[in-house]
Every structure is written in C-alpha cells, then in structure tokens.
Amino acid sequence: MKFQTSRIASAAIADMASDKVDSVLRAVADALTARAPELLEANAADCMAMDSADPRYDRLKLTPERIADIAEGIRSVAALPSPLGVTLDSIKRPNGLLIRKVSVPFGVIGAIFEARPNVIFDIFALCFKAGSACVLKGGHEAARSDAKAIEIIRDALDAAGAPADAAVLVEGGHEAADTLLKARGEIDLLIPRGSRRLIDYVRDNALVPVIETGAGVCHTYFHTSGDIATGRDIIFNAKTRRPGVCNSLDCLLVDRSRLGDLPAICYHLSDKDVEIYADDEAYSALKGAYPLLRHASEADYGREWLDYKLTLHTVADIDEALDFIARYGSKHSECIIAENIEASERFLASVDAACVYANVSTAFTDGGQFGFGAEIGISTQKLHARGPMALREITTYKYLITGAGQTRS
C-alpha cells in the first residue's frame, strides 16, 4: 500500500490523548513562528516564478503577517474542544439495547490543492485535531513553499513525539495526483481545493469518496429597499478585500428602481481599480460617473473573476434576482442588501447556497470567521458536509450498541 505509513500514523493519532494532541499542535505553531524566515525565503522563490498580475499570485504570496495568522489559526484549532468521542445521538430500545451514535476519525484524508501554501497548515491542523492523518498534493507553483511547510510540520511532529507521517506531501505532477484519486482503501476521503477545472477533474476521475469545495461565483443583490451606505461598504469589502479568494464578490445585481444610485454605490471601487462589466442599463447609469467601465457579455455571467473585476446586472425585482442566482451561482455564498425584512427573509429561505447572507459581506465565508478555527475548504455540495468544513465535518461516526445478553428472535 502506498500510504500504509499514513494509515499507521492515523491510528496513533486516534489513540492520542486530547491534551497531547493540543500540545503537539501548539508545538507546530511555535515551530512555524520560529522558522518563518525559511518559509518566506522558499515562498519568495515561488513568487519570483509567477507573474504578479496572475490572479493566483495573492493566494501564493506569504508575508510575516500571514504566517503569524497561520500560526494563530493552528493555536485556535488546538484550543477548540475535541470533535471525537462525542455522542451525537442515543436511544434506549424497549428490549434494553442502548444505541449510541458517536463521532470518530475518518482515518486518512487526502487533499489536492493549487497555489496556496497556507492550506497545508490549515488541513494538517484540522486533520490532526480530528484524529486523522493527511496526505497532501499541492500545485507546482508553490512547490518550494509546500516542501518547506511540510518539513516544518514533520520536524515539529517528530520533536514532539508524534508520528511524522501524520502529514505527508506527495511530490510530482499529474501522475502523482492520480495516485491519490485511485487510492481506494488507502485514502478514506479526498478533498480538492482550487479551480473549477481541478475540482471537476478530481470528481470525475476519483475512485475514493470526494467532497467538492466548489468554485465561488458569489453574488450580492442590491434590493430596492437597500441602504446606500450599507451596500457601498459591503460591496467594496466583498470585492476588494482579497479578490483572489473564493468568497470574493463576482457579480452585483441591482434593482432597476435603484439604478440612479449606482454611482454612489460603486464609486469607491475605483480606488482599487476595479473594472466593472455592466449590462446596457447599468452601463448607462454609470457612464461618465465610473472610470473603469466595460460592456458585459453573456460569458461574464457565472464567472469567478479572482481579480479586481466585477459583473453588474440589472434585475426587475427579487424574483428575477433569485432566478439569476439560481442560473449562474455556484452554490457558494450569496448576499442581499435590503432594509425590507420580508425581502431578506425570502432571500435567505430561497437561495440554494452553502452560505446565504443578509446585509453582510460574503468575505465572512471562512472557517476562522465562523469560529471553527480554520477550514479545509468550503463545500458546495449537500452530501455529508456543506459550507466551511472544519472539525465536525471531517469526522464520521459509528454506532455503539450495548446490552445485557439480548438475542434476536
């Protein structure tokens, strides 16, 4: 078996006392902090090889502040209650059987991701806390960063008396990635994290169970009752905070009755040189008032920009907005800006997405912001897990049945 050592490590982690798990995680965080210069040096080499105009560049780049945040994220995971051994449900049958549903580790969790070296630490921390080993495959763009990250983790594990094979990095190209896809019986769960192309490939070719962390085509709908100041701030934050991440805003929908307010709603976006691709009505409303204005095409709908670009589309009312989101959304994160409570409640109830917001930036779709410490990804599917996948979502369960000699007739 290619991943036999990971299986052995997962059994050791599952048997580890929770306080030991937490101390190991803190040791990894301390090691990351101490060796940050090494990781920054490796990351700088990766960044040198990528065009800074590439939308993936922001995801690839590490800074001292980002590394400090990663370390704090690991410590946050350590501080959370253990997700293991939790009685999720129990029932006492008339024949005296006690049936308990109890959370347990998956075992070995595989992850395939692109140019995001921080993901290695997030996935490791969550898997380790949840009693599982992780097998990781990153993209070639972050090869140096990933190698240094896994070295830091494995060295810290070894120094703390924990199995180093709790975290394994698979090196190589597509053939190496395919070993994870085909590792039935060795990898218990596989999670792709990256572009739509990567996710589709993993889903279509894997022989092991997959949870999709889908592309984030995120919409914000400015309802006829929306407040200009609220909408302006939310739209600016959702679009410009980090445009290269999956929770960033891609398409703004605006009620026709509020087209006259578009200059006030959008003008701050020009501070970040956001290009707006508008339909004919919205284009007319912004012409002369917004400097970076383009005509939208059908190809711009349902597009995950991952850049300082935004689609703008006019709708007649909430019905049309809901239909548009149902057609072009990716079931990731959607938002309504509205003062009308009935409209907000209808939007929250009707939109089929993992995270649905009323008067809140979609940038909050993040495991850390939800109080989960971190997340392996944002699941856009409905089976097993949906939304930010953190500790609870990367455990499974088993039934424990106890009795006093009962037999079945």
Protein backbone atom coordinates (compact mmCIF):
# COMPACT_ATOMS: atom_id res chain seq x y z
CA MET A 1 0.00 0.00 0.00
CA LYS A 2 1.39 3.42 -0.99
CA PHE A 3 0.02 5.16 2.10
CA GLN A 4 0.49 2.44 4.71
CA THR A 5 2.59 4.74 6.91
CA SER A 6 -0.21 7.31 6.88
CA ARG A 7 -2.66 4.62 7.99
CA ILE A 8 -0.36 3.65 10.87
CA ALA A 9 0.01 7.31 11.84
CA SER A 10 -3.74 7.85 11.80
CA ALA A 11 -4.24 5.01 14.27
CA ALA A 12 -1.63 6.55 16.58
CA ILE A 13 -3.29 9.96 16.42
CA ALA A 14 -6.72 8.49 17.14
CA ASP A 15 -5.33 6.88 20.31
CA MET A 16 -3.59 10.07 21.45
CA ALA A 17 -4.97 11.89 24.49
CA SER A 18 -6.66 15.16 23.57
CA ASP A 19 -4.28 17.25 25.70
CA LYS A 20 -1.33 15.66 23.89
CA VAL A 21 -2.95 16.47 20.52
CA ASP A 22 -3.32 20.09 21.58
CA SER A 23 0.27 20.37 22.82
CA VAL A 24 1.56 18.94 19.54
CA LEU A 25 -0.44 21.48 17.56
CA ARG A 26 0.94 24.30 19.68
CA ALA A 27 4.45 22.94 19.06
CA VAL A 28 3.83 23.07 15.31
CA ALA A 29 2.61 26.66 15.61
CA ASP A 30 5.72 27.58 17.60
CA ALA A 31 7.95 25.89 15.02
CA LEU A 32 6.26 27.80 12.22
CA THR A 33 6.82 31.08 14.04
CA ALA A 34 10.47 30.26 14.71
CA ARG A 35 11.14 29.13 11.14
CA ALA A 36 9.11 31.79 9.37
CA PRO A 37 12.20 33.24 7.62
CA GLU A 38 12.88 29.87 5.99
CA LEU A 39 9.32 29.64 4.71
CA LEU A 40 9.37 33.22 3.46
CA GLU A 41 12.58 32.53 1.55
CA ALA A 42 11.08 29.48 -0.13
CA ASN A 43 7.90 31.37 -0.89
CA ALA A 44 9.80 34.28 -2.40
CA ALA A 45 11.36 31.87 -4.90
CA ASP A 46 7.92 30.58 -5.87
CA CYS A 47 6.59 34.12 -6.21
CA MET A 48 9.51 35.10 -8.44
CA ALA A 49 8.42 32.41 -10.88
CA MET A 50 4.83 33.69 -11.11
CA ASP A 51 3.60 36.82 -12.83
CA SER A 52 2.41 39.20 -10.12
CA ALA A 53 -0.59 40.03 -12.33
CA ASP A 54 -1.74 36.40 -12.15
CA PRO A 55 -4.95 36.20 -10.04
CA ARG A 56 -3.35 33.33 -8.12
CA TYR A 57 -0.40 35.44 -7.01
CA ASP A 58 -2.15 36.82 -3.93
CA ARG A 59 -3.02 33.30 -2.81
CA LEU A 60 0.54 32.16 -3.31
CA LYS A 61 2.28 35.01 -1.55
CA LEU A 62 3.16 34.73 2.12
CA THR A 63 4.10 37.63 4.38
CA PRO A 64 5.23 37.75 8.02
CA GLU A 65 1.70 38.85 8.93
CA ARG A 66 0.10 35.98 7.05
CA ILE A 67 2.43 33.46 8.65
CA ALA A 68 1.58 34.90 12.07
CA ASP A 69 -2.11 34.46 11.21
CA ILE A 70 -1.49 30.86 10.13
CA ALA A 71 0.27 30.10 13.41
CA GLU A 72 -2.56 31.71 15.36
CA GLY A 73 -5.02 29.61 13.36
CA ILE A 74 -3.23 26.44 14.43
CA ARG A 75 -3.37 27.56 18.05
CA SER A 76 -7.08 28.33 17.64
CA VAL A 77 -7.69 24.79 16.43
CA ALA A 78 -5.76 23.45 19.43
CA ALA A 79 -8.00 25.48 21.75
CA LEU A 80 -11.22 24.02 20.35
CA PRO A 81 -12.95 21.05 22.01
CA SER A 82 -12.09 17.66 20.56
CA PRO A 83 -14.64 16.57 17.93
CA LEU A 84 -14.02 12.89 18.74
CA GLY A 85 -15.97 10.62 21.06
CA VAL A 86 -18.96 12.95 21.05
CA THR A 87 -22.34 11.24 21.46
CA LEU A 88 -24.33 12.68 18.58
CA ASP A 89 -27.48 10.74 19.39
CA SER A 90 -28.62 7.94 21.66
CA ILE A 91 -31.70 5.84 22.16
CA LYS A 92 -32.77 3.12 24.60
CA ARG A 93 -34.81 0.45 22.83
CA PRO A 94 -37.75 -1.37 24.51
CA ASN A 95 -35.64 -4.54 24.62
CA GLY A 96 -32.99 -2.76 26.68
CA LEU A 97 -30.45 -2.09 23.92
CA LEU A 98 -28.60 1.21 24.30
CA ILE A 99 -27.69 2.56 20.86
CA ARG A 100 -25.28 5.49 20.67
CA LYS A 101 -24.09 7.40 17.61
CA VAL A 102 -20.52 8.56 18.36
CA SER A 103 -18.10 10.69 16.34
CA VAL A 104 -14.88 9.02 15.15
CA PRO A 105 -11.98 9.91 12.81
CA PHE A 106 -12.08 9.31 9.07
CA GLY A 107 -8.58 7.86 9.14
CA VAL A 108 -6.56 9.17 6.19
CA ILE A 109 -7.72 12.33 4.43
CA GLY A 110 -6.23 13.36 1.11
CA ALA A 111 -6.26 16.89 -0.25
CA ILE A 112 -5.32 18.24 -3.67
CA PHE A 113 -4.91 22.00 -3.94
CA GLU A 114 -3.29 24.68 -6.03
CA ALA A 115 -1.05 27.64 -5.24
CA ARG A 116 -1.95 28.16 -1.57
CA PRO A 117 0.84 27.15 0.84
CA ASN A 118 -1.21 28.21 3.86
CA VAL A 119 -3.62 25.38 3.06
CA ILE A 120 -1.04 22.81 4.19
CA PHE A 121 -1.11 24.14 7.74
CA ASP A 122 -4.90 24.50 7.84
CA ILE A 123 -5.51 20.98 6.60
CA PHE A 124 -2.87 19.43 8.83
CA ALA A 125 -4.13 21.17 11.97
CA LEU A 126 -7.75 20.20 11.39
CA CYS A 127 -6.97 16.60 10.42
CA PHE A 128 -4.64 16.10 13.38
CA LYS A 129 -7.18 17.52 15.82
CA ALA A 130 -9.85 15.28 14.26
CA GLY A 131 -7.69 12.16 14.68
CA SER A 132 -6.75 11.69 11.02
CA ALA A 133 -3.53 11.70 9.03
CA CYS A 134 -3.37 13.86 5.91
CA VAL A 135 -1.84 13.18 2.51
CA LEU A 136 -1.31 16.42 0.59
CA LYS A 137 -0.70 17.28 -3.06
CA GLY A 138 -0.04 20.90 -3.94
CA GLY A 139 0.44 22.64 -7.26
CA HIS A 140 3.81 23.14 -8.92
CA GLU A 141 3.51 26.93 -8.46
CA ALA A 142 4.03 26.54 -4.71
CA ALA A 143 6.43 23.59 -4.79
CA ARG A 144 9.19 25.25 -2.73
CA SER A 145 6.76 26.72 -0.21
CA ASP A 146 4.93 23.42 0.19
CA ALA A 147 8.13 21.46 0.67
CA LYS A 148 9.37 23.83 3.37
CA ALA A 149 5.94 23.87 5.07
CA ILE A 150 5.76 20.08 5.28
CA GLU A 151 9.37 19.97 6.53
CA ILE A 152 8.47 22.36 9.37
CA ILE A 153 5.41 20.32 10.30
CA ARG A 154 7.14 16.93 10.19
CA ASP A 155 10.16 18.15 12.15
CA ALA A 156 7.87 19.57 14.83
CA LEU A 157 5.83 16.35 14.99
CA ASP A 158 8.96 14.28 15.41
CA ALA A 159 10.33 16.59 18.10
CA ALA A 160 7.02 16.41 19.97
CA GLY A 161 6.96 12.60 19.92
CA ALA A 162 4.13 12.38 17.39
CA PRO A 163 4.23 10.38 14.13
CA ALA A 164 5.76 12.47 11.35
CA ASP A 165 3.66 10.59 8.80
CA ALA A 166 0.60 12.33 10.18
CA ALA A 167 1.43 14.79 7.38
CA VAL A 168 2.73 13.55 4.03
CA LEU A 169 3.37 15.62 0.90
CA VAL A 170 3.03 13.82 -2.42
CA GLU A 171 5.54 15.24 -4.87
CA GLY A 172 5.36 15.14 -8.65
CA GLY A 173 2.92 16.09 -11.40
CA HIS A 174 -0.42 14.74 -12.62
CA GLU A 175 0.64 11.12 -12.23
CA ALA A 176 1.39 11.72 -8.55
CA ALA A 177 -2.01 13.34 -8.09
CA ASP A 178 -3.67 10.37 -9.77
CA THR A 179 -2.24 8.06 -7.11
CA LEU A 180 -4.49 9.81 -4.60
CA LEU A 181 -7.50 9.58 -6.90
CA LYS A 182 -7.03 5.84 -7.31
CA ALA A 183 -6.08 5.01 -3.70
CA ARG A 184 -9.27 3.17 -2.83
CA GLY A 185 -8.93 1.53 0.56
CA GLU A 186 -5.95 3.72 1.44
CA ILE A 187 -7.40 7.23 1.34
CA ASP A 188 -10.72 7.45 3.17
CA LEU A 189 -11.75 10.89 1.91
CA LEU A 190 -10.40 13.19 -0.79
CA ILE A 191 -10.93 16.95 -0.84
CA PRO A 192 -9.96 19.06 -3.88
CA ARG A 193 -9.43 22.76 -3.27
CA GLY A 194 -8.81 25.08 -6.19
CA SER A 195 -10.14 25.97 -9.63
CA ARG A 196 -13.29 24.60 -11.19
CA ARG A 197 -11.07 22.66 -13.60
CA LEU A 198 -9.22 20.94 -10.74
CA ILE A 199 -12.40 20.15 -8.84
CA ASP A 200 -14.13 18.72 -11.91
CA TYR A 201 -11.11 16.56 -12.72
CA VAL A 202 -10.93 15.13 -9.22
CA ARG A 203 -14.66 14.45 -9.05
CA ASP A 204 -14.76 12.81 -12.49
CA ASN A 205 -11.69 10.60 -12.00
CA ALA A 206 -11.52 9.69 -8.31
CA LEU A 207 -12.19 6.16 -7.10
CA VAL A 208 -12.31 7.33 -3.48
CA PRO A 209 -15.07 9.40 -1.84
CA VAL A 210 -14.80 13.10 -2.71
CA ILE A 211 -16.20 16.23 -1.11
CA GLU A 212 -16.23 19.13 -3.54
CA THR A 213 -15.08 22.51 -2.35
CA GLY A 214 -16.56 24.34 -5.27
CA ALA A 215 -15.60 27.47 -7.10
CA GLY A 216 -17.06 30.62 -5.57
CA VAL A 217 -19.22 32.52 -8.03
CA CYS A 218 -20.63 34.94 -5.45
CA HIS A 219 -23.43 37.45 -6.00
CA THR A 220 -24.67 40.42 -4.00
CA TYR A 221 -28.18 41.66 -4.74
CA PHE A 222 -28.99 45.31 -4.01
CA HIS A 223 -32.74 45.26 -3.34
CA THR A 224 -34.99 48.26 -3.93
CA SER A 225 -35.01 48.80 -0.13
CA GLY A 226 -31.22 48.65 0.21
CA ASP A 227 -29.33 51.32 2.12
CA ILE A 228 -26.68 53.07 0.03
CA ALA A 229 -24.02 53.34 2.75
CA THR A 230 -24.53 49.73 3.86
CA GLY A 231 -24.42 48.47 0.30
CA ARG A 232 -21.40 50.55 -0.65
CA ASP A 233 -19.32 49.24 2.25
CA ILE A 234 -20.37 45.60 1.82
CA ILE A 235 -19.74 45.60 -1.92
CA PHE A 236 -16.36 47.27 -1.53
CA ASN A 237 -15.26 44.80 1.15
CA ALA A 238 -16.56 41.71 -0.65
CA LYS A 239 -14.88 42.67 -3.91
CA THR A 240 -11.58 44.23 -2.83
CA ARG A 241 -10.54 42.67 0.49
CA ARG A 242 -8.90 39.70 -1.26
CA PRO A 243 -10.23 39.31 -4.80
CA GLY A 244 -8.31 36.08 -5.39
CA VAL A 245 -10.24 34.01 -2.83
CA CYS A 246 -13.41 32.01 -3.33
CA ASN A 247 -15.64 34.19 -1.12
CA SER A 248 -14.96 37.41 -3.04
CA LEU A 249 -17.77 39.14 -4.92
CA ASP A 250 -18.08 38.38 -8.63
CA CYS A 251 -21.45 39.80 -9.66
CA LEU A 252 -23.56 42.67 -8.35
CA LEU A 253 -27.28 42.58 -9.08
CA VAL A 254 -29.24 45.81 -8.70
CA ASP A 255 -32.96 46.51 -8.83
CA ARG A 256 -33.91 48.68 -11.79
CA SER A 257 -35.53 51.16 -9.41
CA ARG A 258 -32.10 51.86 -7.85
CA LEU A 259 -30.01 52.35 -11.00
CA GLY A 260 -29.76 56.05 -10.20
CA ASP A 261 -27.85 55.20 -7.03
CA LEU A 262 -25.19 53.13 -8.77
CA PRO A 263 -22.58 55.94 -8.89
CA ALA A 264 -22.85 56.37 -5.11
CA ILE A 265 -22.79 52.61 -4.52
CA CYS A 266 -19.84 51.85 -6.81
CA TYR A 267 -17.56 54.88 -6.82
CA HIS A 268 -15.25 53.59 -4.06
CA LEU A 269 -14.43 50.55 -6.19
CA SER A 270 -12.36 52.77 -8.46
CA ASP A 271 -9.97 53.32 -5.55
CA LYS A 272 -8.84 49.75 -6.15
CA ASP A 273 -9.08 49.99 -9.96
CA VAL A 274 -11.97 47.57 -10.15
CA GLU A 275 -13.20 47.07 -13.71
CA ILE A 276 -16.98 46.86 -13.91
CA TYR A 277 -18.55 44.81 -16.70
CA ALA A 278 -22.10 46.17 -16.85
CA ASP A 279 -25.21 45.31 -18.85
CA ASP A 280 -26.67 48.06 -21.05
CA GLU A 281 -28.93 49.60 -18.38
CA ALA A 282 -26.28 49.66 -15.68
CA TYR A 283 -23.68 50.89 -18.17
CA SER A 284 -25.89 53.88 -19.00
CA ALA A 285 -26.37 54.62 -15.31
CA LEU A 286 -22.61 54.63 -14.65
CA LYS A 287 -21.37 56.18 -17.88
CA GLY A 288 -19.37 59.31 -17.07
CA ALA A 289 -19.52 58.53 -13.34
CA TYR A 290 -17.25 55.49 -13.18
CA PRO A 291 -13.87 55.40 -14.93
CA LEU A 292 -13.27 51.67 -15.47
CA LEU A 293 -16.49 50.69 -17.21
CA ARG A 294 -16.88 47.88 -19.74
CA HIS A 295 -19.81 46.30 -21.55
CA ALA A 296 -20.76 42.89 -20.14
CA SER A 297 -21.21 39.84 -22.33
CA GLU A 298 -23.02 36.58 -21.64
CA ALA A 299 -19.63 34.99 -20.85
CA ASP A 300 -19.24 37.36 -17.88
CA TYR A 301 -22.24 35.84 -16.07
CA GLY A 302 -21.40 32.90 -13.83
CA ARG A 303 -17.72 33.85 -13.97
CA GLU A 304 -15.40 33.61 -10.98
CA TRP A 305 -13.13 36.59 -11.62
CA LEU A 306 -10.48 36.08 -8.88
CA ASP A 307 -9.36 39.58 -9.82
CA TYR A 308 -10.30 43.25 -9.49
CA LYS A 309 -13.20 42.80 -11.88
CA LEU A 310 -16.94 42.76 -11.29
CA THR A 311 -20.01 41.91 -13.33
CA LEU A 312 -23.02 44.23 -12.92
CA HIS A 313 -26.51 43.19 -13.96
CA THR A 314 -29.91 44.89 -13.69
CA VAL A 315 -32.97 42.97 -12.46
CA ALA A 316 -36.62 43.94 -12.24
CA ASP A 317 -37.22 42.62 -8.73
CA ILE A 318 -36.34 39.93 -6.22
CA ASP A 319 -37.94 37.21 -8.36
CA GLU A 320 -35.60 37.99 -11.22
CA ALA A 321 -32.63 38.19 -8.85
CA LEU A 322 -33.41 34.77 -7.42
CA ASP A 323 -33.76 33.29 -10.91
CA PHE A 324 -30.44 34.83 -11.98
CA ILE A 325 -28.58 33.45 -8.95
CA ALA A 326 -30.14 30.01 -9.44
CA ARG A 327 -28.90 30.02 -13.04
CA TYR A 328 -25.41 31.43 -12.62
CA GLY A 329 -24.43 30.85 -9.00
CA SER A 330 -22.11 28.09 -7.80
CA LYS A 331 -23.98 27.46 -4.52
CA HIS A 332 -21.15 29.03 -2.52
CA SER A 333 -22.06 32.42 -0.98
CA GLU A 334 -24.84 34.87 -1.88
CA CYS A 335 -25.93 38.14 -0.27
CA ILE A 336 -28.89 40.53 -0.26
CA ILE A 337 -28.67 44.17 0.77
CA ALA A 338 -32.12 45.17 1.94
CA GLU A 339 -33.87 47.06 4.72
CA ASN A 340 -37.11 45.23 3.97
CA ILE A 341 -37.25 42.29 6.38
CA GLU A 342 -39.67 40.27 4.25
CA ALA A 343 -37.34 40.53 1.25
CA SER A 344 -34.35 39.49 3.34
CA GLU A 345 -36.17 36.54 4.84
CA ARG A 346 -37.37 35.40 1.43
CA PHE A 347 -33.85 35.64 0.02
CA LEU A 348 -32.38 33.69 2.95
CA ALA A 349 -35.00 30.97 2.59
CA SER A 350 -35.00 30.71 -1.21
CA VAL A 351 -31.35 30.86 -2.29
CA ASP A 352 -29.77 27.43 -2.66
CA ALA A 353 -26.20 28.03 -1.47
CA ALA A 354 -23.91 26.90 1.33
CA CYS A 355 -23.88 30.38 2.90
CA VAL A 356 -26.60 33.00 2.41
CA TYR A 357 -26.23 36.50 3.87
CA ALA A 358 -28.45 39.48 4.56
CA ASN A 359 -26.55 42.78 4.85
CA VAL A 360 -23.21 41.04 5.43
CA SER A 361 -20.14 40.74 3.19
CA THR A 362 -19.58 37.34 1.60
CA ALA A 363 -15.97 37.65 2.79
CA PHE A 364 -17.15 36.08 6.05
CA THR A 365 -17.45 32.64 4.43
CA ASP A 366 -14.38 31.34 6.22
CA GLY A 367 -13.88 28.75 8.92
CA GLY A 368 -11.99 31.17 11.12
CA GLN A 369 -14.75 33.77 10.91
CA PHE A 370 -17.35 31.14 11.78
CA GLY A 371 -15.43 30.24 14.95
CA PHE A 372 -14.21 26.92 13.52
CA GLY A 373 -10.51 27.81 13.84
CA ALA A 374 -9.87 27.12 10.17
CA GLU A 375 -11.38 25.12 7.35
CA ILE A 376 -10.26 22.56 4.79
CA GLY A 377 -12.49 24.20 2.23
CA ILE A 378 -15.99 25.48 1.53
CA SER A 379 -18.18 22.60 0.47
CA THR A 380 -20.83 23.50 -2.11
CA GLN A 381 -22.40 20.06 -2.20
CA LYS A 382 -25.17 18.75 0.04
CA LEU A 383 -23.98 15.27 0.96
CA HIS A 384 -22.20 14.90 4.33
CA ALA A 385 -20.92 18.48 4.65
CA ARG A 386 -21.85 21.93 3.39
CA GLY A 387 -20.17 25.32 3.87
CA PRO A 388 -16.92 25.73 5.84
CA MET A 389 -15.54 22.25 6.50
CA ALA A 390 -13.92 22.20 9.90
CA LEU A 391 -13.51 19.70 12.73
CA ARG A 392 -17.03 18.35 12.90
CA GLU A 393 -17.25 17.98 9.12
CA ILE A 394 -14.06 15.91 8.85
CA THR A 395 -15.19 13.30 11.35
CA THR A 396 -17.56 10.46 10.66
CA TYR A 397 -19.45 8.32 13.18
CA LYS A 398 -20.21 4.81 14.23
CA TYR A 399 -22.95 3.19 16.28
CA LEU A 400 -22.11 1.65 19.64
CA ILE A 401 -24.66 -0.88 20.89
CA THR A 402 -24.56 -2.27 24.41
CA GLY A 403 -26.89 -4.66 26.12
CA ALA A 404 -27.21 -7.48 28.63
CA GLY A 405 -27.25 -10.63 26.50
CA GLN A 406 -30.13 -9.78 24.19
CA THR A 407 -30.67 -12.07 21.20
CA ARG A 408 -32.97 -11.57 18.23
CA SER A 409 -35.87 -13.93 17.62
